Amino acid sequence: MKAVSPSMVLKHLYHAHGSDGADYEIHVYAEPASHENAHIERLVKVCLADGGELRILSKRHYEIVATGVTLESSDPAAI
């Protein structure tokens, strides 16, 4: 499990169903940044709730790097 940097902010949480039959939470973290008068955010990390590493396969489809389990989110807003 990897630690989340204190400057990162949890921006989104999506539920996903795994090919192993289990349900998972996907967390999307961003890092705030400022440039002149604009406030921007940079996507920093997409991971499991426990910090497990995910590979993004396509929109709403992921793979858990450690196990190869594939995940699918039914949330249309999921990345």
PDB file of N, CA and C in Angstrom:
ATOM      1  N   MET A   1       0.841  -1.167   0.000  1.00  0.00           N
ATOM      2  CA  MET A   1       0.000   0.000   0.000  1.00  0.00           C
ATOM      3  C   MET A   1       0.891   1.237   0.000  1.00  0.00           C
ATOM      4  N   LYS A   2       0.628   2.154  -0.938  1.00  0.00           N
ATOM      5  CA  LYS A   2       1.399   3.377  -1.036  1.00  0.00           C
ATOM      6  C   LYS A   2       0.695   4.506  -0.317  1.00  0.00           C
ATOM      7  N   ALA A   3       1.474   5.342   0.340  1.00  0.00           N
ATOM      8  CA  ALA A   3       0.906   6.481   1.055  1.00  0.00           C
ATOM      9  C   ALA A   3       0.507   7.562   0.065  1.00  0.00           C
ATOM     10  N   VAL A   4      -0.479   8.335   0.438  1.00  0.00           N
ATOM     11  CA  VAL A   4      -0.939   9.449  -0.372  1.00  0.00           C
ATOM     12  C   VAL A   4      -0.248  10.701   0.131  1.00  0.00           C
ATOM     13  N   SER A   5       0.287  11.493  -0.783  1.00  0.00           N
ATOM     14  CA  SER A   5       0.967  12.729  -0.422  1.00  0.00           C
ATOM     15  C   SER A   5      -0.009  13.675   0.271  1.00  0.00           C
ATOM     16  N   PRO A   6       0.452  14.410   1.289  1.00  0.00           N
ATOM     17  CA  PRO A   6      -0.444  15.325   1.995  1.00  0.00           C
ATOM     18  C   PRO A   6      -1.010  16.423   1.100  1.00  0.00           C
ATOM     19  N   SER A   7      -0.350  16.732  -0.014  1.00  0.00           N
ATOM     20  CA  SER A   7      -0.851  17.782  -0.902  1.00  0.00           C
ATOM     21  C   SER A   7      -1.937  17.268  -1.850  1.00  0.00           C
ATOM     22  N   MET A   8      -2.129  15.960  -1.907  1.00  0.00           N
ATOM     23  CA  MET A   8      -3.152  15.404  -2.787  1.00  0.00           C
ATOM     24  C   MET A   8      -4.514  15.454  -2.115  1.00  0.00           C
ATOM     25  N   VAL A   9      -5.540  15.663  -2.927  1.00  0.00           N
ATOM     26  CA  VAL A   9      -6.903  15.767  -2.450  1.00  0.00           C
ATOM     27  C   VAL A   9      -7.751  14.705  -3.153  1.00  0.00           C
ATOM     28  N   LEU A  10      -8.549  13.973  -2.378  1.00  0.00           N
ATOM     29  CA  LEU A  10      -9.464  13.000  -2.963  1.00  0.00           C
ATOM     30  C   LEU A  10     -10.553  13.767  -3.700  1.00  0.00           C
ATOM     31  N   LYS A  11     -10.630  13.608  -5.022  1.00  0.00           N
ATOM     32  CA  LYS A  11     -11.590  14.351  -5.830  1.00  0.00           C
ATOM     33  C   LYS A  11     -12.811  13.523  -6.209  1.00  0.00           C
ATOM     34  N   HIS A  12     -12.614  12.240  -6.424  1.00  0.00           N
ATOM     35  CA  HIS A  12     -13.719  11.383  -6.850  1.00  0.00           C
ATOM     36  C   HIS A  12     -13.564  10.006  -6.226  1.00  0.00           C
ATOM     37  N   LEU A  13     -14.692   9.370  -6.025  1.00  0.00           N
ATOM     38  CA  LEU A  13     -14.723   8.003  -5.529  1.00  0.00           C
ATOM     39  C   LEU A  13     -15.746   7.268  -6.394  1.00  0.00           C
ATOM     40  N   TYR A  14     -15.325   6.179  -7.002  1.00  0.00           N
ATOM     41  CA  TYR A  14     -16.212   5.392  -7.861  1.00  0.00           C
ATOM     42  C   TYR A  14     -16.272   3.968  -7.337  1.00  0.00           C
ATOM     43  N   HIS A  15     -17.415   3.353  -7.479  1.00  0.00           N
ATOM     44  CA  HIS A  15     -17.561   1.943  -7.143  1.00  0.00           C
ATOM     45  C   HIS A  15     -17.365   1.128  -8.413  1.00  0.00           C
ATOM     46  N   ALA A  16     -16.744  -0.031  -8.267  1.00  0.00           N
ATOM     47  CA  ALA A  16     -16.496  -0.894  -9.415  1.00  0.00           C
ATOM     48  C   ALA A  16     -16.689  -2.347  -9.015  1.00  0.00           C
ATOM     49  N   HIS A  17     -17.033  -3.163  -9.985  1.00  0.00           N
ATOM     50  CA  HIS A  17     -17.215  -4.597  -9.767  1.00  0.00           C
ATOM     51  C   HIS A  17     -16.040  -5.330 -10.407  1.00  0.00           C
ATOM     52  N   GLY A  18     -15.454  -6.271  -9.675  1.00  0.00           N
ATOM     53  CA  GLY A  18     -14.278  -6.986 -10.151  1.00  0.00           C
ATOM     54  C   GLY A  18     -14.617  -8.295 -10.839  1.00  0.00           C
ATOM     55  N   SER A  19     -13.709  -8.746 -11.691  1.00  0.00           N
ATOM     56  CA  SER A  19     -13.867 -10.029 -12.374  1.00  0.00           C
ATOM     57  C   SER A  19     -13.823 -11.189 -11.386  1.00  0.00           C
ATOM     58  N   ASP A  20     -13.404 -10.910 -10.149  1.00  0.00           N
ATOM     59  CA  ASP A  20     -13.387 -11.927  -9.094  1.00  0.00           C
ATOM     60  C   ASP A  20     -14.697 -11.945  -8.300  1.00  0.00           C
ATOM     61  N   GLY A  21     -15.677 -11.116  -8.702  1.00  0.00           N
ATOM     62  CA  GLY A  21     -16.969 -11.075  -8.036  1.00  0.00           C
ATOM     63  C   GLY A  21     -17.049 -10.107  -6.872  1.00  0.00           C
ATOM     64  N   ALA A  22     -15.938  -9.495  -6.502  1.00  0.00           N
ATOM     65  CA  ALA A  22     -15.906  -8.563  -5.368  1.00  0.00           C
ATOM     66  C   ALA A  22     -16.200  -7.137  -5.836  1.00  0.00           C
ATOM     67  N   ASP A  23     -16.615  -6.301  -4.892  1.00  0.00           N
ATOM     68  CA  ASP A  23     -16.834  -4.886  -5.167  1.00  0.00           C
ATOM     69  C   ASP A  23     -15.661  -4.085  -4.623  1.00  0.00           C
ATOM     70  N   TYR A  24     -15.288  -3.030  -5.328  1.00  0.00           N
ATOM     71  CA  TYR A  24     -14.122  -2.219  -4.990  1.00  0.00           C
ATOM     72  C   TYR A  24     -14.479  -0.744  -5.033  1.00  0.00           C
ATOM     73  N   GLU A  25     -13.674   0.070  -4.347  1.00  0.00           N
ATOM     74  CA  GLU A  25     -13.751   1.520  -4.434  1.00  0.00           C
ATOM     75  C   GLU A  25     -12.510   2.013  -5.160  1.00  0.00           C
ATOM     76  N   ILE A  26     -12.738   2.864  -6.142  1.00  0.00           N
ATOM     77  CA  ILE A  26     -11.633   3.485  -6.877  1.00  0.00           C
ATOM     78  C   ILE A  26     -11.564   4.942  -6.435  1.00  0.00           C
ATOM     79  N   HIS A  27     -10.371   5.373  -6.033  1.00  0.00           N
ATOM     80  CA  HIS A  27     -10.160   6.744  -5.577  1.00  0.00           C
ATOM     81  C   HIS A  27      -9.340   7.498  -6.619  1.00  0.00           C
ATOM     82  N   VAL A  28      -9.744   8.719  -6.888  1.00  0.00           N
ATOM     83  CA  VAL A  28      -9.031   9.588  -7.826  1.00  0.00           C
ATOM     84  C   VAL A  28      -8.545  10.794  -7.036  1.00  0.00           C
ATOM     85  N   TYR A  29      -7.234  10.988  -7.037  1.00  0.00           N
ATOM     86  CA  TYR A  29      -6.605  12.088  -6.307  1.00  0.00           C
ATOM     87  C   TYR A  29      -6.063  13.127  -7.280  1.00  0.00           C
ATOM     88  N   ALA A  30      -6.170  14.388  -6.880  1.00  0.00           N
ATOM     89  CA  ALA A  30      -5.624  15.493  -7.659  1.00  0.00           C
ATOM     90  C   ALA A  30      -4.751  16.330  -6.749  1.00  0.00           C
ATOM     91  N   GLU A  31      -3.874  17.090  -7.366  1.00  0.00           N
ATOM     92  CA  GLU A  31      -2.986  17.980  -6.630  1.00  0.00           C
ATOM     93  C   GLU A  31      -3.284  19.404  -7.067  1.00  0.00           C
ATOM     94  N   PRO A  32      -3.667  20.267  -6.143  1.00  0.00           N
ATOM     95  CA  PRO A  32      -3.960  21.652  -6.518  1.00  0.00           C
ATOM     96  C   PRO A  32      -2.689  22.390  -6.927  1.00  0.00           C
ATOM     97  N   ALA A  33      -2.848  23.266  -7.885  1.00  0.00           N
ATOM     98  CA  ALA A  33      -1.736  24.098  -8.342  1.00  0.00           C
ATOM     99  C   ALA A  33      -2.304  25.429  -8.793  1.00  0.00           C
ATOM    100  N   SER A  34      -1.513  26.464  -8.706  1.00  0.00           N
ATOM    101  CA  SER A  34      -1.956  27.783  -9.152  1.00  0.00           C
ATOM    102  C   SER A  34      -0.994  28.295 -10.206  1.00  0.00           C
ATOM    103  N   HIS A  35      -1.564  28.974 -11.172  1.00  0.00           N
ATOM    104  CA  HIS A  35      -0.760  29.613 -12.212  1.00  0.00           C
ATOM    105  C   HIS A  35      -1.366  30.983 -12.448  1.00  0.00           C
ATOM    106  N   GLU A  36      -0.657  32.029 -12.048  1.00  0.00           N
ATOM    107  CA  GLU A  36      -1.140  33.399 -12.113  1.00  0.00           C
ATOM    108  C   GLU A  36      -2.514  33.485 -11.460  1.00  0.00           C
ATOM    109  N   ASN A  37      -3.552  33.853 -12.170  1.00  0.00           N
ATOM    110  CA  ASN A  37      -4.889  34.000 -11.587  1.00  0.00           C
ATOM    111  C   ASN A  37      -5.744  32.757 -11.754  1.00  0.00           C
ATOM    112  N   ALA A  38      -5.193  31.701 -12.280  1.00  0.00           N
ATOM    113  CA  ALA A  38      -5.970  30.488 -12.535  1.00  0.00           C
ATOM    114  C   ALA A  38      -5.673  29.428 -11.475  1.00  0.00           C
ATOM    115  N   HIS A  39      -6.720  28.782 -11.022  1.00  0.00           N
ATOM    116  CA  HIS A  39      -6.552  27.646 -10.111  1.00  0.00           C
ATOM    117  C   HIS A  39      -6.763  26.385 -10.943  1.00  0.00           C
ATOM    118  N   ILE A  40      -5.768  25.542 -10.982  1.00  0.00           N
ATOM    119  CA  ILE A  40      -5.854  24.322 -11.771  1.00  0.00           C
ATOM    120  C   ILE A  40      -5.545  23.125 -10.883  1.00  0.00           C
ATOM    121  N   GLU A  41      -5.960  21.962 -11.333  1.00  0.00           N
ATOM    122  CA  GLU A  41      -5.661  20.725 -10.623  1.00  0.00           C
ATOM    123  C   GLU A  41      -5.030  19.755 -11.598  1.00  0.00           C
ATOM    124  N   ARG A  42      -4.138  18.961 -11.074  1.00  0.00           N
ATOM    125  CA  ARG A  42      -3.455  17.960 -11.873  1.00  0.00           C
ATOM    126  C   ARG A  42      -3.824  16.595 -11.315  1.00  0.00           C
ATOM    127  N   LEU A  43      -4.339  15.726 -12.187  1.00  0.00           N
ATOM    128  CA  LEU A  43      -4.641  14.357 -11.783  1.00  0.00           C
ATOM    129  C   LEU A  43      -3.337  13.689 -11.393  1.00  0.00           C
ATOM    130  N   VAL A  44      -3.293  13.137 -10.185  1.00  0.00           N
ATOM    131  CA  VAL A  44      -2.051  12.593  -9.668  1.00  0.00           C
ATOM    132  C   VAL A  44      -2.099  11.074  -9.548  1.00  0.00           C
ATOM    133  N   LYS A  45      -3.225  10.552  -9.087  1.00  0.00           N
ATOM    134  CA  LYS A  45      -3.238   9.132  -8.773  1.00  0.00           C
ATOM    135  C   LYS A  45      -4.650   8.570  -8.872  1.00  0.00           C
ATOM    136  N   VAL A  46      -4.750   7.382  -9.469  1.00  0.00           N
ATOM    137  CA  VAL A  46      -5.978   6.599  -9.494  1.00  0.00           C
ATOM    138  C   VAL A  46      -5.614   5.268  -8.847  1.00  0.00           C
ATOM    139  N   CYS A  47      -6.300   4.917  -7.764  1.00  0.00           N
ATOM    140  CA  CYS A  47      -5.924   3.726  -7.020  1.00  0.00           C
ATOM    141  C   CYS A  47      -7.134   3.126  -6.315  1.00  0.00           C
ATOM    142  N   LEU A  48      -6.930   1.991  -5.683  1.00  0.00           N
ATOM    143  CA  LEU A  48      -7.959   1.387  -4.849  1.00  0.00           C
ATOM    144  C   LEU A  48      -8.046   2.144  -3.527  1.00  0.00           C
ATOM    145  N   ALA A  49      -9.116   1.938  -2.788  1.00  0.00           N
ATOM    146  CA  ALA A  49      -9.294   2.609  -1.500  1.00  0.00           C
ATOM    147  C   ALA A  49      -8.132   2.328  -0.548  1.00  0.00           C
ATOM    148  N   ASP A  50      -7.529   1.129  -0.651  1.00  0.00           N
ATOM    149  CA  ASP A  50      -6.412   0.779   0.229  1.00  0.00           C
ATOM    150  C   ASP A  50      -5.056   1.230  -0.328  1.00  0.00           C
ATOM    151  N   GLY A  51      -5.076   1.963  -1.451  1.00  0.00           N
ATOM    152  CA  GLY A  51      -3.837   2.452  -2.059  1.00  0.00           C
ATOM    153  C   GLY A  51      -3.267   1.524  -3.110  1.00  0.00           C
ATOM    154  N   GLY A  52      -3.906   0.370  -3.328  1.00  0.00           N
ATOM    155  CA  GLY A  52      -3.426  -0.571  -4.339  1.00  0.00           C
ATOM    156  C   GLY A  52      -3.380   0.059  -5.720  1.00  0.00           C
ATOM    157  N   GLU A  53      -2.341  -0.268  -6.479  1.00  0.00           N
ATOM    158  CA  GLU A  53      -2.111   0.340  -7.784  1.00  0.00           C
ATOM    159  C   GLU A  53      -3.076  -0.196  -8.839  1.00  0.00           C
ATOM    160  N   LEU A  54      -3.624   0.732  -9.622  1.00  0.00           N
ATOM    161  CA  LEU A  54      -4.519   0.379 -10.716  1.00  0.00           C
ATOM    162  C   LEU A  54      -3.916   0.797 -12.051  1.00  0.00           C
ATOM    163  N   ARG A  55      -4.211   0.040 -13.061  1.00  0.00           N
ATOM    164  CA  ARG A  55      -3.878   0.395 -14.440  1.00  0.00           C
ATOM    165  C   ARG A  55      -5.212   0.741 -15.104  1.00  0.00           C
ATOM    166  N   ILE A  56      -5.288   1.893 -15.757  1.00  0.00           N
ATOM    167  CA  ILE A  56      -6.500   2.278 -16.477  1.00  0.00           C
ATOM    168  C   ILE A  56      -6.444   1.621 -17.848  1.00  0.00           C
ATOM    169  N   LEU A  57      -7.429   0.780 -18.153  1.00  0.00           N
ATOM    170  CA  LEU A  57      -7.481   0.079 -19.435  1.00  0.00           C
ATOM    171  C   LEU A  57      -8.244   0.892 -20.468  1.00  0.00           C
ATOM    172  N   SER A  58      -9.355   1.462 -20.070  1.00  0.00           N
ATOM    173  CA  SER A  58     -10.177   2.331 -20.914  1.00  0.00           C
ATOM    174  C   SER A  58     -11.178   3.008 -19.987  1.00  0.00           C
ATOM    175  N   LYS A  59     -12.013   3.858 -20.536  1.00  0.00           N
ATOM    176  CA  LYS A  59     -12.992   4.559 -19.691  1.00  0.00           C
ATOM    177  C   LYS A  59     -13.817   3.547 -18.910  1.00  0.00           C
ATOM    178  N   ARG A  60     -13.790   3.685 -17.576  1.00  0.00           N
ATOM    179  CA  ARG A  60     -14.533   2.845 -16.623  1.00  0.00           C
ATOM    180  C   ARG A  60     -14.014   1.415 -16.510  1.00  0.00           C
ATOM    181  N   HIS A  61     -12.851   1.107 -17.072  1.00  0.00           N
ATOM    182  CA  HIS A  61     -12.257  -0.243 -16.993  1.00  0.00           C
ATOM    183  C   HIS A  61     -10.836  -0.141 -16.455  1.00  0.00           C
ATOM    184  N   TYR A  62     -10.536  -0.968 -15.462  1.00  0.00           N
ATOM    185  CA  TYR A  62      -9.258  -0.904 -14.747  1.00  0.00           C
ATOM    186  C   TYR A  62      -8.731  -2.312 -14.511  1.00  0.00           C
ATOM    187  N   GLU A  63      -7.473  -2.389 -14.142  1.00  0.00           N
ATOM    188  CA  GLU A  63      -6.865  -3.658 -13.748  1.00  0.00           C
ATOM    189  C   GLU A  63      -6.067  -3.423 -12.480  1.00  0.00           C
ATOM    190  N   ILE A  64      -6.234  -4.312 -11.504  1.00  0.00           N
ATOM    191  CA  ILE A  64      -5.430  -4.248 -10.291  1.00  0.00           C
ATOM    192  C   ILE A  64      -4.054  -4.817 -10.657  1.00  0.00           C
ATOM    193  N   VAL A  65      -3.026  -4.011 -10.535  1.00  0.00           N
ATOM    194  CA  VAL A  65      -1.685  -4.395 -10.974  1.00  0.00           C
ATOM    195  C   VAL A  65      -1.190  -5.643 -10.243  1.00  0.00           C
ATOM    196  N   ALA A  66      -1.404  -5.727  -8.946  1.00  0.00           N
ATOM    197  CA  ALA A  66      -0.866  -6.829  -8.148  1.00  0.00           C
ATOM    198  C   ALA A  66      -1.514  -8.174  -8.451  1.00  0.00           C
ATOM    199  N   THR A  67      -2.779  -8.162  -8.863  1.00  0.00           N
ATOM    200  CA  THR A  67      -3.505  -9.434  -9.009  1.00  0.00           C
ATOM    201  C   THR A  67      -3.984  -9.732 -10.421  1.00  0.00           C
ATOM    202  N   GLY A  68      -4.075  -8.710 -11.274  1.00  0.00           N
ATOM    203  CA  GLY A  68      -4.600  -8.901 -12.618  1.00  0.00           C
ATOM    204  C   GLY A  68      -6.119  -8.902 -12.677  1.00  0.00           C
ATOM    205  N   VAL A  69      -6.793  -8.738 -11.533  1.00  0.00           N
ATOM    206  CA  VAL A  69      -8.253  -8.678 -11.511  1.00  0.00           C
ATOM    207  C   VAL A  69      -8.683  -7.431 -12.276  1.00  0.00           C
ATOM    208  N   THR A  70      -9.658  -7.583 -13.175  1.00  0.00           N
ATOM    209  CA  THR A  70     -10.162  -6.439 -13.916  1.00  0.00           C
ATOM    210  C   THR A  70     -11.408  -5.898 -13.219  1.00  0.00           C
ATOM    211  N   LEU A  71     -11.567  -4.582 -13.306  1.00  0.00           N
ATOM    212  CA  LEU A  71     -12.674  -3.895 -12.654  1.00  0.00           C
ATOM    213  C   LEU A  71     -13.457  -3.094 -13.695  1.00  0.00           C
ATOM    214  N   GLU A  72     -14.758  -2.987 -13.453  1.00  0.00           N
ATOM    215  CA  GLU A  72     -15.596  -2.154 -14.308  1.00  0.00           C
ATOM    216  C   GLU A  72     -16.509  -1.322 -13.427  1.00  0.00           C
ATOM    217  N   SER A  73     -16.538  -0.022 -13.699  1.00  0.00           N
ATOM    218  CA  SER A  73     -17.420   0.873 -12.976  1.00  0.00           C
ATOM    219  C   SER A  73     -18.627   1.169 -13.850  1.00  0.00           C
ATOM    220  N   SER A  74     -19.816   1.150 -13.243  1.00  0.00           N
ATOM    221  CA  SER A  74     -21.022   1.480 -13.992  1.00  0.00           C
ATOM    222  C   SER A  74     -21.334   2.977 -13.933  1.00  0.00           C
ATOM    223  N   ASP A  75     -20.515   3.731 -13.184  1.00  0.00           N
ATOM    224  CA  ASP A  75     -20.724   5.171 -13.053  1.00  0.00           C
ATOM    225  C   ASP A  75     -20.316   5.860 -14.363  1.00  0.00           C
ATOM    226  N   PRO A  76     -21.242   6.523 -15.043  1.00  0.00           N
ATOM    227  CA  PRO A  76     -20.896   7.172 -16.312  1.00  0.00           C
ATOM    228  C   PRO A  76     -19.865   8.296 -16.167  1.00  0.00           C
ATOM    229  N   ALA A  77     -19.668   8.817 -14.971  1.00  0.00           N
ATOM    230  CA  ALA A  77     -18.685   9.876 -14.747  1.00  0.00           C
ATOM    231  C   ALA A  77     -17.280   9.337 -14.467  1.00  0.00           C
ATOM    232  N   ALA A  78     -17.153   8.032 -14.282  1.00  0.00           N
ATOM    233  CA  ALA A  78     -15.839   7.435 -13.954  1.00  0.00           C
ATOM    234  C   ALA A  78     -14.862   7.654 -15.103  1.00  0.00           C
ATOM    235  N   ILE A  79     -13.602   7.799 -14.729  1.00  0.00           N
ATOM    236  CA  ILE A  79     -12.571   7.977 -15.754  1.00  0.00           C
ATOM    237  C   ILE A  79     -12.134   6.637 -16.316  1.00  0.00           C
TER     238      ILE A  79
END
